mmCIF file of all heavy atoms, coordinates in Angstrom:
data_MODEL
# 
_entry.id   MODEL 
# 
loop_
_atom_site.group_PDB 
_atom_site.id 
_atom_site.type_symbol 
_atom_site.label_atom_id 
_atom_site.label_alt_id 
_atom_site.label_comp_id 
_atom_site.label_asym_id 
_atom_site.label_entity_id 
_atom_site.label_seq_id 
_atom_site.pdbx_PDB_ins_code 
_atom_site.Cartn_x 
_atom_site.Cartn_y 
_atom_site.Cartn_z 
_atom_site.occupancy 
_atom_site.B_iso_or_equiv 
_atom_site.pdbx_formal_charge 
_atom_site.auth_seq_id 
_atom_site.auth_comp_id 
_atom_site.auth_asym_id 
_atom_site.auth_atom_id 
_atom_site.pdbx_PDB_model_num 
ATOM 1   N N   . TRP A 1 1  ? -0.716  256.437 74.616 1.00 0.00 ? 1  TRP A N   1 
ATOM 2   C CA  . TRP A 1 1  ? -1.582  256.370 75.800 1.00 0.00 ? 1  TRP A CA  1 
ATOM 3   C C   . TRP A 1 1  ? -1.869  254.932 76.207 1.00 0.00 ? 1  TRP A C   1 
ATOM 4   O O   . TRP A 1 1  ? -1.742  254.582 77.390 1.00 0.00 ? 1  TRP A O   1 
ATOM 5   C CB  . TRP A 1 1  ? -2.864  257.131 75.484 1.00 0.00 ? 1  TRP A CB  1 
ATOM 6   C CG  . TRP A 1 1  ? -4.014  256.990 76.416 1.00 0.00 ? 1  TRP A CG  1 
ATOM 7   C CD1 . TRP A 1 1  ? -5.206  256.385 76.144 1.00 0.00 ? 1  TRP A CD1 1 
ATOM 8   C CD2 . TRP A 1 1  ? -4.131  257.501 77.756 1.00 0.00 ? 1  TRP A CD2 1 
ATOM 9   N NE1 . TRP A 1 1  ? -6.055  256.473 77.227 1.00 0.00 ? 1  TRP A NE1 1 
ATOM 10  C CE2 . TRP A 1 1  ? -5.421  257.154 78.232 1.00 0.00 ? 1  TRP A CE2 1 
ATOM 11  C CE3 . TRP A 1 1  ? -3.270  258.201 78.598 1.00 0.00 ? 1  TRP A CE3 1 
ATOM 12  C CZ2 . TRP A 1 1  ? -5.871  257.493 79.510 1.00 0.00 ? 1  TRP A CZ2 1 
ATOM 13  C CZ3 . TRP A 1 1  ? -3.710  258.541 79.874 1.00 0.00 ? 1  TRP A CZ3 1 
ATOM 14  C CH2 . TRP A 1 1  ? -4.989  258.188 80.324 1.00 0.00 ? 1  TRP A CH2 1 
ATOM 15  N N   . LEU A 1 2  ? -2.247  254.078 75.274 1.00 0.00 ? 2  LEU A N   1 
ATOM 16  C CA  . LEU A 1 2  ? -2.543  252.683 75.612 1.00 0.00 ? 2  LEU A CA  1 
ATOM 17  C C   . LEU A 1 2  ? -1.232  251.958 75.901 1.00 0.00 ? 2  LEU A C   1 
ATOM 18  O O   . LEU A 1 2  ? -0.416  251.747 75.020 1.00 0.00 ? 2  LEU A O   1 
ATOM 19  C CB  . LEU A 1 2  ? -3.296  251.993 74.478 1.00 0.00 ? 2  LEU A CB  1 
ATOM 20  C CG  . LEU A 1 2  ? -3.720  250.536 74.743 1.00 0.00 ? 2  LEU A CG  1 
ATOM 21  C CD1 . LEU A 1 2  ? -4.690  250.443 75.907 1.00 0.00 ? 2  LEU A CD1 1 
ATOM 22  C CD2 . LEU A 1 2  ? -4.325  249.909 73.488 1.00 0.00 ? 2  LEU A CD2 1 
ATOM 23  N N   . GLY A 1 3  ? -1.071  251.562 77.159 1.00 0.00 ? 3  GLY A N   1 
ATOM 24  C CA  . GLY A 1 3  ? 0.188   250.952 77.574 1.00 0.00 ? 3  GLY A CA  1 
ATOM 25  C C   . GLY A 1 3  ? 0.159   249.449 77.655 1.00 0.00 ? 3  GLY A C   1 
ATOM 26  O O   . GLY A 1 3  ? 1.210   248.812 77.787 1.00 0.00 ? 3  GLY A O   1 
ATOM 27  N N   . GLY A 1 4  ? -1.017  248.841 77.582 1.00 0.00 ? 4  GLY A N   1 
ATOM 28  C CA  . GLY A 1 4  ? -1.123  247.392 77.651 1.00 0.00 ? 4  GLY A CA  1 
ATOM 29  C C   . GLY A 1 4  ? -2.572  246.966 77.775 1.00 0.00 ? 4  GLY A C   1 
ATOM 30  O O   . GLY A 1 4  ? -3.444  247.763 78.123 1.00 0.00 ? 4  GLY A O   1 
ATOM 31  N N   . SER A 1 5  ? -2.843  245.713 77.451 1.00 0.00 ? 5  SER A N   1 
ATOM 32  C CA  . SER A 1 5  ? -4.179  245.140 77.609 1.00 0.00 ? 5  SER A CA  1 
ATOM 33  C C   . SER A 1 5  ? -4.020  243.667 77.936 1.00 0.00 ? 5  SER A C   1 
ATOM 34  O O   . SER A 1 5  ? -2.911  243.119 77.879 1.00 0.00 ? 5  SER A O   1 
ATOM 35  C CB  . SER A 1 5  ? -5.024  245.339 76.341 1.00 0.00 ? 5  SER A CB  1 
ATOM 36  O OG  . SER A 1 5  ? -4.477  244.615 75.253 1.00 0.00 ? 5  SER A OG  1 
ATOM 37  N N   . CYS A 1 6  ? -5.130  243.001 78.267 1.00 0.00 ? 6  CYS A N   1 
ATOM 38  C CA  . CYS A 1 6  ? -5.027  241.620 78.740 1.00 0.00 ? 6  CYS A CA  1 
ATOM 39  C C   . CYS A 1 6  ? -4.663  240.649 77.624 1.00 0.00 ? 6  CYS A C   1 
ATOM 40  O O   . CYS A 1 6  ? -4.066  239.602 77.864 1.00 0.00 ? 6  CYS A O   1 
ATOM 41  C CB  . CYS A 1 6  ? -6.318  241.194 79.435 1.00 0.00 ? 6  CYS A CB  1 
ATOM 42  S SG  . CYS A 1 6  ? -7.682  240.782 78.302 1.00 0.00 ? 6  CYS A SG  1 
ATOM 43  N N   . GLY A 1 7  ? -5.046  240.962 76.377 1.00 0.00 ? 7  GLY A N   1 
ATOM 44  C CA  . GLY A 1 7  ? -4.732  240.099 75.252 1.00 0.00 ? 7  GLY A CA  1 
ATOM 45  C C   . GLY A 1 7  ? -5.597  238.859 75.140 1.00 0.00 ? 7  GLY A C   1 
ATOM 46  O O   . GLY A 1 7  ? -5.393  238.043 74.230 1.00 0.00 ? 7  GLY A O   1 
ATOM 47  N N   . GLN A 1 8  ? -6.574  238.690 76.025 1.00 0.00 ? 8  GLN A N   1 
ATOM 48  C CA  . GLN A 1 8  ? -7.353  237.453 76.065 1.00 0.00 ? 8  GLN A CA  1 
ATOM 49  C C   . GLN A 1 8  ? -8.861  237.657 75.963 1.00 0.00 ? 8  GLN A C   1 
ATOM 50  O O   . GLN A 1 8  ? -9.581  236.715 75.639 1.00 0.00 ? 8  GLN A O   1 
ATOM 51  C CB  . GLN A 1 8  ? -7.042  236.686 77.358 1.00 0.00 ? 8  GLN A CB  1 
ATOM 52  C CG  . GLN A 1 8  ? -5.577  236.305 77.488 1.00 0.00 ? 8  GLN A CG  1 
ATOM 53  C CD  . GLN A 1 8  ? -5.270  235.664 78.832 1.00 0.00 ? 8  GLN A CD  1 
ATOM 54  O OE1 . GLN A 1 8  ? -6.095  235.672 79.743 1.00 0.00 ? 8  GLN A OE1 1 
ATOM 55  N NE2 . GLN A 1 8  ? -4.072  235.122 78.965 1.00 0.00 ? 8  GLN A NE2 1 
ATOM 56  N N   . CYS A 1 9  ? -9.349  238.832 76.240 1.00 0.00 ? 9  CYS A N   1 
ATOM 57  C CA  . CYS A 1 9  ? -10.797 239.049 76.276 1.00 0.00 ? 9  CYS A CA  1 
ATOM 58  C C   . CYS A 1 9  ? -11.357 239.185 74.854 1.00 0.00 ? 9  CYS A C   1 
ATOM 59  O O   . CYS A 1 9  ? -10.618 239.225 73.870 1.00 0.00 ? 9  CYS A O   1 
ATOM 60  C CB  . CYS A 1 9  ? -11.128 240.295 77.097 1.00 0.00 ? 9  CYS A CB  1 
ATOM 61  S SG  . CYS A 1 9  ? -10.584 241.855 76.330 1.00 0.00 ? 9  CYS A SG  1 
ATOM 62  N N   . ALA A 1 10 ? -12.673 239.264 74.773 1.00 0.00 ? 10 ALA A N   1 
ATOM 63  C CA  . ALA A 1 10 ? -13.324 239.384 73.470 1.00 0.00 ? 10 ALA A CA  1 
ATOM 64  C C   . ALA A 1 10 ? -12.928 240.665 72.752 1.00 0.00 ? 10 ALA A C   1 
ATOM 65  O O   . ALA A 1 10 ? -12.806 240.686 71.521 1.00 0.00 ? 10 ALA A O   1 
ATOM 66  C CB  . ALA A 1 10 ? -14.843 239.331 73.638 1.00 0.00 ? 10 ALA A CB  1 
ATOM 67  N N   . TYR A 1 11 ? -12.715 241.738 73.504 1.00 0.00 ? 11 TYR A N   1 
ATOM 68  C CA  . TYR A 1 11 ? -12.295 242.988 72.879 1.00 0.00 ? 11 TYR A CA  1 
ATOM 69  C C   . TYR A 1 11 ? -10.906 242.841 72.263 1.00 0.00 ? 11 TYR A C   1 
ATOM 70  O O   . TYR A 1 11 ? -10.671 243.218 71.116 1.00 0.00 ? 11 TYR A O   1 
ATOM 71  C CB  . TYR A 1 11 ? -12.295 244.124 73.902 1.00 0.00 ? 11 TYR A CB  1 
ATOM 72  C CG  . TYR A 1 11 ? -13.658 244.475 74.433 1.00 0.00 ? 11 TYR A CG  1 
ATOM 73  C CD1 . TYR A 1 11 ? -13.931 244.427 75.801 1.00 0.00 ? 11 TYR A CD1 1 
ATOM 74  C CD2 . TYR A 1 11 ? -14.683 244.869 73.574 1.00 0.00 ? 11 TYR A CD2 1 
ATOM 75  C CE1 . TYR A 1 11 ? -15.182 244.755 76.303 1.00 0.00 ? 11 TYR A CE1 1 
ATOM 76  C CE2 . TYR A 1 11 ? -15.944 245.205 74.060 1.00 0.00 ? 11 TYR A CE2 1 
ATOM 77  C CZ  . TYR A 1 11 ? -16.185 245.149 75.425 1.00 0.00 ? 11 TYR A CZ  1 
ATOM 78  O OH  . TYR A 1 11 ? -17.425 245.475 75.916 1.00 0.00 ? 11 TYR A OH  1 
ATOM 79  N N   . CYS A 1 12 ? -9.968  242.299 73.031 1.00 0.00 ? 12 CYS A N   1 
ATOM 80  C CA  . CYS A 1 12 ? -8.607  242.124 72.515 1.00 0.00 ? 12 CYS A CA  1 
ATOM 81  C C   . CYS A 1 12 ? -8.593  241.177 71.317 1.00 0.00 ? 12 CYS A C   1 
ATOM 82  O O   . CYS A 1 12 ? -7.819  241.364 70.378 1.00 0.00 ? 12 CYS A O   1 
ATOM 83  C CB  . CYS A 1 12 ? -7.685  241.601 73.614 1.00 0.00 ? 12 CYS A CB  1 
ATOM 84  S SG  . CYS A 1 12 ? -7.317  242.809 74.918 1.00 0.00 ? 12 CYS A SG  1 
ATOM 85  N N   . GLY A 1 13 ? -9.457  240.174 71.345 1.00 0.00 ? 13 GLY A N   1 
ATOM 86  C CA  . GLY A 1 13 ? -9.496  239.201 70.264 1.00 0.00 ? 13 GLY A CA  1 
ATOM 87  C C   . GLY A 1 13 ? -10.130 239.703 68.999 1.00 0.00 ? 13 GLY A C   1 
ATOM 88  O O   . GLY A 1 13 ? -10.078 239.031 67.957 1.00 0.00 ? 13 GLY A O   1 
ATOM 89  N N   . SER A 1 14 ? -10.732 240.898 69.045 1.00 0.00 ? 14 SER A N   1 
ATOM 90  C CA  . SER A 1 14 ? -11.395 241.454 67.857 1.00 0.00 ? 14 SER A CA  1 
ATOM 91  C C   . SER A 1 14 ? -10.817 242.820 67.480 1.00 0.00 ? 14 SER A C   1 
ATOM 92  O O   . SER A 1 14 ? -11.522 243.659 66.927 1.00 0.00 ? 14 SER A O   1 
ATOM 93  C CB  . SER A 1 14 ? -12.909 241.566 68.099 1.00 0.00 ? 14 SER A CB  1 
ATOM 94  O OG  . SER A 1 14 ? -13.182 242.345 69.255 1.00 0.00 ? 14 SER A OG  1 
ATOM 95  N N   . GLU A 1 15 ? -9.539  243.030 67.798 1.00 0.00 ? 15 GLU A N   1 
ATOM 96  C CA  . GLU A 1 15 ? -8.830  244.274 67.485 1.00 0.00 ? 15 GLU A CA  1 
ATOM 97  C C   . GLU A 1 15 ? -9.502  245.491 68.119 1.00 0.00 ? 15 GLU A C   1 
ATOM 98  O O   . GLU A 1 15 ? -9.469  246.595 67.558 1.00 0.00 ? 15 GLU A O   1 
ATOM 99  C CB  . GLU A 1 15 ? -8.665  244.468 65.971 1.00 0.00 ? 15 GLU A CB  1 
ATOM 100 C CG  . GLU A 1 15 ? -7.748  243.454 65.329 1.00 0.00 ? 15 GLU A CG  1 
ATOM 101 C CD  . GLU A 1 15 ? -7.386  243.818 63.897 1.00 0.00 ? 15 GLU A CD  1 
ATOM 102 O OE1 . GLU A 1 15 ? -8.191  244.510 63.225 1.00 0.00 ? 15 GLU A OE1 1 
ATOM 103 O OE2 . GLU A 1 15 ? -6.303  243.413 63.457 1.00 0.00 ? 15 GLU A OE2 1 
ATOM 104 N N   . ARG A 1 16 ? -10.114 245.275 69.291 1.00 0.00 ? 16 ARG A N   1 
ATOM 105 C CA  . ARG A 1 16 ? -10.697 246.387 70.042 1.00 0.00 ? 16 ARG A CA  1 
ATOM 106 C C   . ARG A 1 16 ? -10.067 246.444 71.428 1.00 0.00 ? 16 ARG A C   1 
ATOM 107 O O   . ARG A 1 16 ? -10.751 246.627 72.435 1.00 0.00 ? 16 ARG A O   1 
ATOM 108 C CB  . ARG A 1 16 ? -12.214 246.226 70.119 1.00 0.00 ? 16 ARG A CB  1 
ATOM 109 C CG  . ARG A 1 16 ? -12.919 246.341 68.772 1.00 0.00 ? 16 ARG A CG  1 
ATOM 110 C CD  . ARG A 1 16 ? -14.423 246.201 68.912 1.00 0.00 ? 16 ARG A CD  1 
ATOM 111 N NE  . ARG A 1 16 ? -14.794 244.868 69.394 1.00 0.00 ? 16 ARG A NE  1 
ATOM 112 C CZ  . ARG A 1 16 ? -15.990 244.568 69.908 1.00 0.00 ? 16 ARG A CZ  1 
ATOM 113 N NH1 . ARG A 1 16 ? -16.925 245.505 70.004 1.00 0.00 ? 16 ARG A NH1 1 
ATOM 114 N NH2 . ARG A 1 16 ? -16.262 243.329 70.300 1.00 0.00 ? 16 ARG A NH2 1 
ATOM 115 N N   . GLU A 1 17 ? -8.759  246.304 71.467 1.00 0.00 ? 17 GLU A N   1 
ATOM 116 C CA  . GLU A 1 17 ? -8.027  246.313 72.732 1.00 0.00 ? 17 GLU A CA  1 
ATOM 117 C C   . GLU A 1 17 ? -8.205  247.634 73.474 1.00 0.00 ? 17 GLU A C   1 
ATOM 118 O O   . GLU A 1 17 ? -8.005  247.709 74.684 1.00 0.00 ? 17 GLU A O   1 
ATOM 119 C CB  . GLU A 1 17 ? -6.544  246.059 72.469 1.00 0.00 ? 17 GLU A CB  1 
ATOM 120 C CG  . GLU A 1 17 ? -5.911  247.108 71.556 1.00 0.00 ? 17 GLU A CG  1 
ATOM 121 C CD  . GLU A 1 17 ? -4.654  246.621 70.860 1.00 0.00 ? 17 GLU A CD  1 
ATOM 122 O OE1 . GLU A 1 17 ? -4.368  245.418 70.927 1.00 0.00 ? 17 GLU A OE1 1 
ATOM 123 O OE2 . GLU A 1 17 ? -3.966  247.452 70.244 1.00 0.00 ? 17 GLU A OE2 1 
ATOM 124 N N   . ASN A 1 18 ? -8.600  248.670 72.750 1.00 0.00 ? 18 ASN A N   1 
ATOM 125 C CA  . ASN A 1 18 ? -8.875  249.956 73.387 1.00 0.00 ? 18 ASN A CA  1 
ATOM 126 C C   . ASN A 1 18 ? -10.028 249.880 74.375 1.00 0.00 ? 18 ASN A C   1 
ATOM 127 O O   . ASN A 1 18 ? -10.172 250.754 75.241 1.00 0.00 ? 18 ASN A O   1 
ATOM 128 C CB  . ASN A 1 18 ? -9.188  251.015 72.330 1.00 0.00 ? 18 ASN A CB  1 
ATOM 129 C CG  . ASN A 1 18 ? -10.386 250.665 71.470 1.00 0.00 ? 18 ASN A CG  1 
ATOM 130 O OD1 . ASN A 1 18 ? -10.477 249.555 70.930 1.00 0.00 ? 18 ASN A OD1 1 
ATOM 131 N ND2 . ASN A 1 18 ? -11.316 251.586 71.317 1.00 0.00 ? 18 ASN A ND2 1 
ATOM 132 N N   . LEU A 1 19 ? -10.871 248.841 74.276 1.00 0.00 ? 19 LEU A N   1 
ATOM 133 C CA  . LEU A 1 19 ? -12.025 248.686 75.171 1.00 0.00 ? 19 LEU A CA  1 
ATOM 134 C C   . LEU A 1 19 ? -11.781 247.647 76.264 1.00 0.00 ? 19 LEU A C   1 
ATOM 135 O O   . LEU A 1 19 ? -12.671 247.395 77.081 1.00 0.00 ? 19 LEU A O   1 
ATOM 136 C CB  . LEU A 1 19 ? -13.261 248.287 74.365 1.00 0.00 ? 19 LEU A CB  1 
ATOM 137 C CG  . LEU A 1 19 ? -13.669 249.245 73.239 1.00 0.00 ? 19 LEU A CG  1 
ATOM 138 C CD1 . LEU A 1 19 ? -14.896 248.710 72.512 1.00 0.00 ? 19 LEU A CD1 1 
ATOM 139 C CD2 . LEU A 1 19 ? -13.922 250.650 73.775 1.00 0.00 ? 19 LEU A CD2 1 
ATOM 140 N N   . CYS A 1 20 ? -10.598 247.059 76.297 1.00 0.00 ? 20 CYS A N   1 
ATOM 141 C CA  . CYS A 1 20 ? -10.287 246.007 77.274 1.00 0.00 ? 20 CYS A CA  1 
ATOM 142 C C   . CYS A 1 20 ? -10.479 246.521 78.701 1.00 0.00 ? 20 CYS A C   1 
ATOM 143 O O   . CYS A 1 20 ? -10.005 247.601 79.059 1.00 0.00 ? 20 CYS A O   1 
ATOM 144 C CB  . CYS A 1 20 ? -8.842  245.540 77.070 1.00 0.00 ? 20 CYS A CB  1 
ATOM 145 S SG  . CYS A 1 20 ? -8.256  244.360 78.307 1.00 0.00 ? 20 CYS A SG  1 
ATOM 146 N N   . ASP A 1 21 ? -11.172 245.741 79.520 1.00 0.00 ? 21 ASP A N   1 
ATOM 147 C CA  . ASP A 1 21 ? -11.412 246.139 80.908 1.00 0.00 ? 21 ASP A CA  1 
ATOM 148 C C   . ASP A 1 21 ? -10.147 246.100 81.753 1.00 0.00 ? 21 ASP A C   1 
ATOM 149 O O   . ASP A 1 21 ? -10.100 246.699 82.831 1.00 0.00 ? 21 ASP A O   1 
ATOM 150 C CB  . ASP A 1 21 ? -12.469 245.227 81.540 1.00 0.00 ? 21 ASP A CB  1 
ATOM 151 C CG  . ASP A 1 21 ? -13.852 245.442 80.957 1.00 0.00 ? 21 ASP A CG  1 
ATOM 152 O OD1 . ASP A 1 21 ? -14.146 246.573 80.519 1.00 0.00 ? 21 ASP A OD1 1 
ATOM 153 O OD2 . ASP A 1 21 ? -14.641 244.477 80.926 1.00 0.00 ? 21 ASP A OD2 1 
ATOM 154 N N   . GLU A 1 22 ? -9.127  245.385 81.292 1.00 0.00 ? 22 GLU A N   1 
ATOM 155 C CA  . GLU A 1 22 ? -7.878  245.286 82.034 1.00 0.00 ? 22 GLU A CA  1 
ATOM 156 C C   . GLU A 1 22 ? -6.778  246.145 81.419 1.00 0.00 ? 22 GLU A C   1 
ATOM 157 O O   . GLU A 1 22 ? -5.602  245.998 81.780 1.00 0.00 ? 22 GLU A O   1 
ATOM 158 C CB  . GLU A 1 22 ? -7.417  243.819 82.081 1.00 0.00 ? 22 GLU A CB  1 
ATOM 159 C CG  . GLU A 1 22 ? -8.418  242.864 82.702 1.00 0.00 ? 22 GLU A CG  1 
ATOM 160 C CD  . GLU A 1 22 ? -8.763  243.228 84.136 1.00 0.00 ? 22 GLU A CD  1 
ATOM 161 O OE1 . GLU A 1 22 ? -7.850  243.674 84.858 1.00 0.00 ? 22 GLU A OE1 1 
ATOM 162 O OE2 . GLU A 1 22 ? -9.942  243.102 84.520 1.00 0.00 ? 22 GLU A OE2 1 
ATOM 163 N N   . ALA A 1 23 ? -7.125  247.027 80.502 1.00 0.00 ? 23 ALA A N   1 
ATOM 164 C CA  . ALA A 1 23 ? -6.119  247.878 79.874 1.00 0.00 ? 23 ALA A CA  1 
ATOM 165 C C   . ALA A 1 23 ? -5.471  248.794 80.906 1.00 0.00 ? 23 ALA A C   1 
ATOM 166 O O   . ALA A 1 23 ? -6.071  249.141 81.929 1.00 0.00 ? 23 ALA A O   1 
ATOM 167 C CB  . ALA A 1 23 ? -6.756  248.700 78.759 1.00 0.00 ? 23 ALA A CB  1 
ATOM 168 N N   . CYS A 1 24 ? -4.237  249.174 80.634 1.00 0.00 ? 24 CYS A N   1 
ATOM 169 C CA  . CYS A 1 24 ? -3.561  250.151 81.485 1.00 0.00 ? 24 CYS A CA  1 
ATOM 170 C C   . CYS A 1 24 ? -3.014  251.256 80.590 1.00 0.00 ? 24 CYS A C   1 
ATOM 171 O O   . CYS A 1 24 ? -2.774  251.051 79.393 1.00 0.00 ? 24 CYS A O   1 
ATOM 172 C CB  . CYS A 1 24 ? -2.460  249.506 82.317 1.00 0.00 ? 24 CYS A CB  1 
ATOM 173 S SG  . CYS A 1 24 ? -1.209  248.643 81.362 1.00 0.00 ? 24 CYS A SG  1 
ATOM 174 N N   . TYR A 1 25 ? -2.805  252.430 81.173 1.00 0.00 ? 25 TYR A N   1 
ATOM 175 C CA  . TYR A 1 25 ? -2.555  253.624 80.381 1.00 0.00 ? 25 TYR A CA  1 
ATOM 176 C C   . TYR A 1 25 ? -1.302  254.350 80.844 1.00 0.00 ? 25 TYR A C   1 
ATOM 177 O O   . TYR A 1 25 ? -1.058  254.530 82.034 1.00 0.00 ? 25 TYR A O   1 
ATOM 178 C CB  . TYR A 1 25 ? -3.782  254.544 80.437 1.00 0.00 ? 25 TYR A CB  1 
ATOM 179 C CG  . TYR A 1 25 ? -5.010  253.832 79.935 1.00 0.00 ? 25 TYR A CG  1 
ATOM 180 C CD1 . TYR A 1 25 ? -5.949  253.302 80.809 1.00 0.00 ? 25 TYR A CD1 1 
ATOM 181 C CD2 . TYR A 1 25 ? -5.181  253.610 78.570 1.00 0.00 ? 25 TYR A CD2 1 
ATOM 182 C CE1 . TYR A 1 25 ? -7.041  252.595 80.341 1.00 0.00 ? 25 TYR A CE1 1 
ATOM 183 C CE2 . TYR A 1 25 ? -6.276  252.914 78.091 1.00 0.00 ? 25 TYR A CE2 1 
ATOM 184 C CZ  . TYR A 1 25 ? -7.207  252.405 78.978 1.00 0.00 ? 25 TYR A CZ  1 
ATOM 185 O OH  . TYR A 1 25 ? -8.283  251.689 78.513 1.00 0.00 ? 25 TYR A OH  1 
ATOM 186 N N   . THR A 1 26 ? -0.533  254.779 79.868 1.00 0.00 ? 26 THR A N   1 
ATOM 187 C CA  . THR A 1 26 ? 0.733   255.456 80.108 1.00 0.00 ? 26 THR A CA  1 
ATOM 188 C C   . THR A 1 26 ? 0.493   256.831 80.718 1.00 0.00 ? 26 THR A C   1 
ATOM 189 O O   . THR A 1 26 ? -0.378  257.585 80.277 1.00 0.00 ? 26 THR A O   1 
ATOM 190 C CB  . THR A 1 26 ? 1.493   255.612 78.775 1.00 0.00 ? 26 THR A CB  1 
ATOM 191 O OG1 . THR A 1 26 ? 1.539   254.362 78.101 1.00 0.00 ? 26 THR A OG1 1 
ATOM 192 C CG2 . THR A 1 26 ? 2.895   256.129 79.009 1.00 0.00 ? 26 THR A CG2 1 
ATOM 193 N N   . GLY A 1 27 ? 1.270   257.153 81.736 1.00 0.00 ? 27 GLY A N   1 
ATOM 194 C CA  . GLY A 1 27 ? 1.125   258.449 82.379 1.00 0.00 ? 27 GLY A CA  1 
ATOM 195 C C   . GLY A 1 27 ? -0.148  258.581 83.176 1.00 0.00 ? 27 GLY A C   1 
ATOM 196 O O   . GLY A 1 27 ? -0.571  259.689 83.509 1.00 0.00 ? 27 GLY A O   1 
ATOM 197 N N   . TYR A 1 28 ? -0.743  257.457 83.528 1.00 0.00 ? 28 TYR A N   1 
ATOM 198 C CA  . TYR A 1 28 ? -1.987  257.439 84.316 1.00 0.00 ? 28 TYR A CA  1 
ATOM 199 C C   . TYR A 1 28 ? -1.970  256.263 85.288 1.00 0.00 ? 28 TYR A C   1 
ATOM 200 O O   . TYR A 1 28 ? -2.004  256.446 86.502 1.00 0.00 ? 28 TYR A O   1 
ATOM 201 C CB  . TYR A 1 28 ? -3.186  257.369 83.383 1.00 0.00 ? 28 TYR A CB  1 
ATOM 202 C CG  . TYR A 1 28 ? -4.541  257.354 84.056 1.00 0.00 ? 28 TYR A CG  1 
ATOM 203 C CD1 . TYR A 1 28 ? -4.818  258.182 85.131 1.00 0.00 ? 28 TYR A CD1 1 
ATOM 204 C CD2 . TYR A 1 28 ? -5.549  256.518 83.580 1.00 0.00 ? 28 TYR A CD2 1 
ATOM 205 C CE1 . TYR A 1 28 ? -6.075  258.171 85.738 1.00 0.00 ? 28 TYR A CE1 1 
ATOM 206 C CE2 . TYR A 1 28 ? -6.807  256.514 84.166 1.00 0.00 ? 28 TYR A CE2 1 
ATOM 207 C CZ  . TYR A 1 28 ? -7.068  257.334 85.249 1.00 0.00 ? 28 TYR A CZ  1 
ATOM 208 O OH  . TYR A 1 28 ? -8.308  257.304 85.847 1.00 0.00 ? 28 TYR A OH  1 
# 
């Protein structure tokens, strides 16, 4: 489901890429 994230925000930097505001989702 998780197709990508920004890789730069505080969430991505703390292994919480699932909460990234810029995340994008497969099949959505």
